[in-house]
């Protein structure tokens, strides 16, 4: 399985830096979510080194409590984080 068209995998341990460089955290906090969508939307981010990314994000306190790294039946290893509105963001690596 290949990552989707236009996907740019992050190097191991780089996801927190990429989020900061892109000011994604500030952007997500600056854009108010519609109340009917908050907590229901999701997205997926292709990364390299899922387990390393998970370890790098642990100190930030944004890991989804019910989505630790695990192998999925459809060929990915993934975990999830929560954005400021508690929407899940899945970080995955194709196996």
N, C-alpha and C. Protein backbone atom coordinates (compact mmCIF):
# COMPACT_ATOMS: atom_id res chain seq x y z
N UNK A 1 0.84 -1.19 0.00
CA UNK A 1 0.00 0.00 0.00
C UNK A 1 0.87 1.23 0.00
N UNK A 2 0.53 2.17 -0.83
CA UNK A 2 1.28 3.43 -0.87
C UNK A 2 0.42 4.53 -0.26
N UNK A 3 1.08 5.52 0.28
CA UNK A 3 0.35 6.67 0.82
C UNK A 3 -0.38 7.35 -0.32
N UNK A 4 -1.44 8.07 -0.02
CA UNK A 4 -2.24 8.74 -1.02
C UNK A 4 -1.45 9.77 -1.82
N UNK A 5 -1.97 10.11 -2.98
CA UNK A 5 -1.32 11.09 -3.84
C UNK A 5 -1.10 12.39 -3.08
N UNK A 6 0.10 12.90 -3.18
CA UNK A 6 0.41 14.15 -2.51
C UNK A 6 0.79 14.00 -1.05
N UNK A 7 0.76 12.76 -0.53
CA UNK A 7 1.12 12.56 0.87
C UNK A 7 2.63 12.69 1.02
N UNK A 8 3.06 13.39 2.03
CA UNK A 8 4.48 13.55 2.32
C UNK A 8 4.73 12.97 3.70
N UNK A 9 5.33 11.76 3.76
CA UNK A 9 5.54 11.17 5.08
C UNK A 9 6.54 11.96 5.90
N UNK A 10 6.28 12.07 7.18
CA UNK A 10 7.19 12.78 8.09
C UNK A 10 8.29 11.83 8.53
N UNK A 11 9.50 12.36 8.71
CA UNK A 11 10.59 11.52 9.21
C UNK A 11 10.33 11.21 10.68
N UNK A 12 10.88 10.09 11.17
CA UNK A 12 10.62 9.70 12.57
C UNK A 12 10.94 10.83 13.55
N UNK A 13 10.01 11.06 14.47
CA UNK A 13 10.19 12.09 15.49
C UNK A 13 9.94 13.50 15.01
N UNK A 14 9.53 13.67 13.75
CA UNK A 14 9.42 15.01 13.18
C UNK A 14 8.02 15.60 13.27
N UNK A 15 7.01 14.80 13.59
CA UNK A 15 5.65 15.32 13.57
C UNK A 15 5.45 16.53 14.47
N UNK A 16 5.93 16.53 15.72
CA UNK A 16 5.74 17.73 16.53
C UNK A 16 6.39 18.96 15.90
N UNK A 17 7.58 18.78 15.32
CA UNK A 17 8.25 19.92 14.67
C UNK A 17 7.48 20.38 13.45
N UNK A 18 6.95 19.44 12.68
CA UNK A 18 6.17 19.82 11.50
C UNK A 18 4.91 20.60 11.90
N UNK A 19 4.26 20.14 12.97
CA UNK A 19 3.07 20.84 13.43
C UNK A 19 3.41 22.26 13.85
N UNK A 20 4.55 22.42 14.53
CA UNK A 20 4.95 23.75 14.98
C UNK A 20 5.37 24.62 13.80
N UNK A 21 6.17 24.05 12.88
CA UNK A 21 6.62 24.81 11.71
C UNK A 21 5.43 25.31 10.90
N UNK A 22 4.43 24.48 10.77
CA UNK A 22 3.26 24.85 9.99
C UNK A 22 2.29 25.70 10.80
N UNK A 23 2.62 25.94 12.06
CA UNK A 23 1.74 26.69 12.96
C UNK A 23 0.35 26.06 13.01
N UNK A 24 0.29 24.74 12.80
CA UNK A 24 -0.99 24.06 12.79
C UNK A 24 -1.71 24.19 14.11
N UNK A 25 -0.96 24.05 15.20
CA UNK A 25 -1.60 24.17 16.51
C UNK A 25 -2.25 25.53 16.70
N UNK A 26 -1.52 26.59 16.34
CA UNK A 26 -2.09 27.94 16.46
C UNK A 26 -3.26 28.12 15.50
N UNK A 27 -3.15 27.56 14.30
CA UNK A 27 -4.22 27.68 13.32
C UNK A 27 -5.47 26.98 13.82
N UNK A 28 -5.31 25.76 14.34
CA UNK A 28 -6.47 25.03 14.84
C UNK A 28 -7.15 25.75 15.99
N UNK A 29 -6.35 26.41 16.84
CA UNK A 29 -6.95 27.14 17.95
C UNK A 29 -7.59 28.45 17.48
N UNK A 30 -7.11 29.01 16.36
CA UNK A 30 -7.60 30.30 15.89
C UNK A 30 -8.91 30.17 15.12
N UNK A 31 -9.18 29.01 14.57
CA UNK A 31 -10.39 28.82 13.77
C UNK A 31 -11.43 28.13 14.64
N UNK A 32 -12.49 28.85 15.00
CA UNK A 32 -13.50 28.20 15.84
C UNK A 32 -14.26 27.14 15.04
N UNK A 33 -14.48 26.00 15.65
CA UNK A 33 -15.21 24.92 14.99
C UNK A 33 -16.71 25.14 15.17
N UNK A 34 -17.45 24.73 14.15
CA UNK A 34 -18.90 24.77 14.28
C UNK A 34 -19.29 23.76 15.35
N UNK A 35 -20.19 24.13 16.22
CA UNK A 35 -20.53 23.26 17.35
C UNK A 35 -21.06 21.91 16.91
N UNK A 36 -21.73 21.85 15.76
CA UNK A 36 -22.27 20.56 15.32
C UNK A 36 -21.20 19.65 14.73
N UNK A 37 -20.00 20.18 14.43
CA UNK A 37 -18.91 19.37 13.90
C UNK A 37 -17.87 19.02 14.95
N UNK A 38 -17.70 19.86 15.94
CA UNK A 38 -16.65 19.63 16.94
C UNK A 38 -16.79 18.25 17.56
N UNK A 39 -15.70 17.51 17.55
CA UNK A 39 -15.71 16.17 18.13
C UNK A 39 -16.17 15.09 17.20
N UNK A 40 -16.56 15.43 15.95
CA UNK A 40 -17.06 14.42 15.03
C UNK A 40 -16.22 14.29 13.77
N UNK A 41 -15.40 15.27 13.45
CA UNK A 41 -14.60 15.21 12.24
C UNK A 41 -13.30 14.46 12.51
N UNK A 42 -12.65 14.02 11.44
CA UNK A 42 -11.36 13.36 11.61
C UNK A 42 -10.55 13.49 10.33
N UNK A 43 -9.26 13.22 10.44
CA UNK A 43 -8.41 13.18 9.25
C UNK A 43 -7.30 12.18 9.50
N UNK A 44 -6.53 11.85 8.44
CA UNK A 44 -5.44 10.88 8.53
C UNK A 44 -4.19 11.52 7.97
N UNK A 45 -3.06 11.29 8.65
CA UNK A 45 -1.77 11.84 8.25
C UNK A 45 -0.80 10.69 8.06
N UNK A 46 -0.21 10.58 6.85
CA UNK A 46 0.79 9.54 6.60
C UNK A 46 2.11 9.97 7.22
N UNK A 47 2.72 9.08 8.00
CA UNK A 47 4.00 9.37 8.64
C UNK A 47 4.94 8.18 8.44
N UNK A 48 6.21 8.40 8.67
CA UNK A 48 7.18 7.31 8.74
C UNK A 48 7.57 7.16 10.20
N UNK A 49 7.70 5.92 10.64
CA UNK A 49 8.08 5.70 12.03
C UNK A 49 6.95 5.97 13.00
N UNK A 50 5.84 5.27 12.83
CA UNK A 50 4.66 5.48 13.69
C UNK A 50 5.00 5.40 15.17
N UNK A 51 5.76 4.38 15.56
CA UNK A 51 6.06 4.22 16.98
C UNK A 51 6.93 5.36 17.50
N UNK A 52 7.87 5.81 16.68
CA UNK A 52 8.72 6.94 17.08
C UNK A 52 7.90 8.23 17.20
N UNK A 53 6.97 8.42 16.25
CA UNK A 53 6.10 9.61 16.29
C UNK A 53 5.25 9.57 17.56
N UNK A 54 4.72 8.40 17.89
CA UNK A 54 3.90 8.25 19.09
C UNK A 54 4.71 8.63 20.34
N UNK A 55 5.94 8.13 20.43
CA UNK A 55 6.78 8.46 21.59
C UNK A 55 7.09 9.95 21.64
N UNK A 56 7.30 10.58 20.49
CA UNK A 56 7.61 12.01 20.45
C UNK A 56 6.41 12.86 20.86
N UNK A 57 5.20 12.39 20.58
CA UNK A 57 3.99 13.16 20.90
C UNK A 57 3.50 12.93 22.33
N UNK A 58 3.92 11.84 22.96
CA UNK A 58 3.43 11.51 24.31
C UNK A 58 3.56 12.68 25.29
N UNK A 59 4.71 13.38 25.35
CA UNK A 59 4.85 14.48 26.34
C UNK A 59 3.91 15.66 26.08
N UNK A 60 3.35 15.75 24.88
CA UNK A 60 2.47 16.88 24.56
C UNK A 60 1.06 16.71 25.10
N UNK A 61 0.71 15.50 25.55
CA UNK A 61 -0.61 15.28 26.14
C UNK A 61 -1.75 15.32 25.14
N UNK A 62 -1.47 15.00 23.87
CA UNK A 62 -2.53 15.07 22.86
C UNK A 62 -2.90 13.70 22.30
N UNK A 63 -2.34 12.63 22.85
CA UNK A 63 -2.64 11.29 22.35
C UNK A 63 -4.07 10.90 22.68
N UNK A 64 -4.72 10.26 21.73
CA UNK A 64 -6.08 9.75 21.96
C UNK A 64 -5.98 8.62 22.98
N UNK A 65 -6.76 8.65 24.06
CA UNK A 65 -6.62 7.64 25.12
C UNK A 65 -6.99 6.23 24.68
N UNK A 66 -7.78 6.07 23.62
CA UNK A 66 -8.23 4.75 23.19
C UNK A 66 -7.64 4.34 21.84
N UNK A 67 -6.57 4.99 21.42
CA UNK A 67 -6.01 4.67 20.10
C UNK A 67 -4.48 4.61 20.14
N UNK A 68 -3.94 3.65 20.91
CA UNK A 68 -2.48 3.48 20.93
C UNK A 68 -2.01 2.90 19.59
N UNK A 69 -0.71 2.90 19.32
CA UNK A 69 -0.23 2.30 18.07
C UNK A 69 -0.67 0.85 17.96
N UNK A 70 -1.24 0.50 16.82
CA UNK A 70 -1.64 -0.89 16.58
C UNK A 70 -1.68 -1.16 15.09
N UNK A 71 -1.46 -2.42 14.76
CA UNK A 71 -1.54 -2.86 13.37
C UNK A 71 -3.01 -3.07 13.02
N UNK A 72 -3.41 -2.56 11.87
CA UNK A 72 -4.78 -2.70 11.41
C UNK A 72 -4.86 -3.81 10.36
N UNK A 73 -6.01 -4.42 10.21
CA UNK A 73 -6.21 -5.51 9.26
C UNK A 73 -6.01 -5.05 7.82
N UNK A 74 -6.18 -3.76 7.55
CA UNK A 74 -6.08 -3.25 6.18
C UNK A 74 -4.67 -2.80 5.81
N UNK A 75 -3.66 -3.15 6.64
CA UNK A 75 -2.28 -2.97 6.24
C UNK A 75 -1.56 -1.73 6.74
N UNK A 76 -2.08 -1.08 7.76
CA UNK A 76 -1.39 0.07 8.32
C UNK A 76 -1.12 -0.16 9.80
N UNK A 77 -0.17 0.59 10.32
CA UNK A 77 0.04 0.69 11.77
C UNK A 77 -0.30 2.14 12.08
N UNK A 78 -1.12 2.37 13.10
CA UNK A 78 -1.57 3.74 13.35
C UNK A 78 -1.91 3.99 14.81
N UNK A 79 -1.96 5.27 15.12
CA UNK A 79 -2.41 5.75 16.42
C UNK A 79 -3.13 7.06 16.15
N UNK A 80 -3.75 7.62 17.17
CA UNK A 80 -4.48 8.87 16.97
C UNK A 80 -4.13 9.89 18.04
N UNK A 81 -4.21 11.14 17.65
CA UNK A 81 -4.11 12.27 18.56
C UNK A 81 -5.43 13.02 18.51
N UNK A 82 -5.63 13.93 19.44
CA UNK A 82 -6.85 14.75 19.47
C UNK A 82 -6.48 16.20 19.22
N UNK A 83 -7.23 16.85 18.33
CA UNK A 83 -7.00 18.28 18.12
C UNK A 83 -7.67 19.06 19.26
N UNK A 84 -7.54 20.38 19.30
CA UNK A 84 -8.11 21.15 20.42
C UNK A 84 -9.63 21.00 20.59
N UNK A 85 -10.34 20.60 19.52
CA UNK A 85 -11.78 20.39 19.62
C UNK A 85 -12.13 18.93 19.85
N UNK A 86 -11.10 18.12 20.17
CA UNK A 86 -11.25 16.69 20.45
C UNK A 86 -11.60 15.87 19.22
N UNK A 87 -11.28 16.37 18.03
CA UNK A 87 -11.42 15.59 16.81
C UNK A 87 -10.21 14.67 16.68
N UNK A 88 -10.41 13.40 16.31
CA UNK A 88 -9.26 12.52 16.16
C UNK A 88 -8.49 12.81 14.88
N UNK A 89 -7.17 12.71 14.99
CA UNK A 89 -6.27 12.81 13.83
C UNK A 89 -5.44 11.53 13.86
N UNK A 90 -5.68 10.66 12.88
CA UNK A 90 -4.96 9.38 12.82
C UNK A 90 -3.62 9.58 12.14
N UNK A 91 -2.58 9.07 12.74
CA UNK A 91 -1.23 9.07 12.15
C UNK A 91 -0.96 7.62 11.77
N UNK A 92 -0.69 7.38 10.48
CA UNK A 92 -0.55 6.01 10.02
C UNK A 92 0.68 5.82 9.16
N UNK A 93 1.11 4.56 9.10
CA UNK A 93 2.22 4.16 8.25
C UNK A 93 1.77 2.87 7.54
N UNK A 94 1.96 2.82 6.23
CA UNK A 94 1.63 1.61 5.48
C UNK A 94 2.66 0.55 5.77
N UNK A 95 2.21 -0.67 5.92
CA UNK A 95 3.12 -1.81 6.20
C UNK A 95 3.24 -2.69 4.99
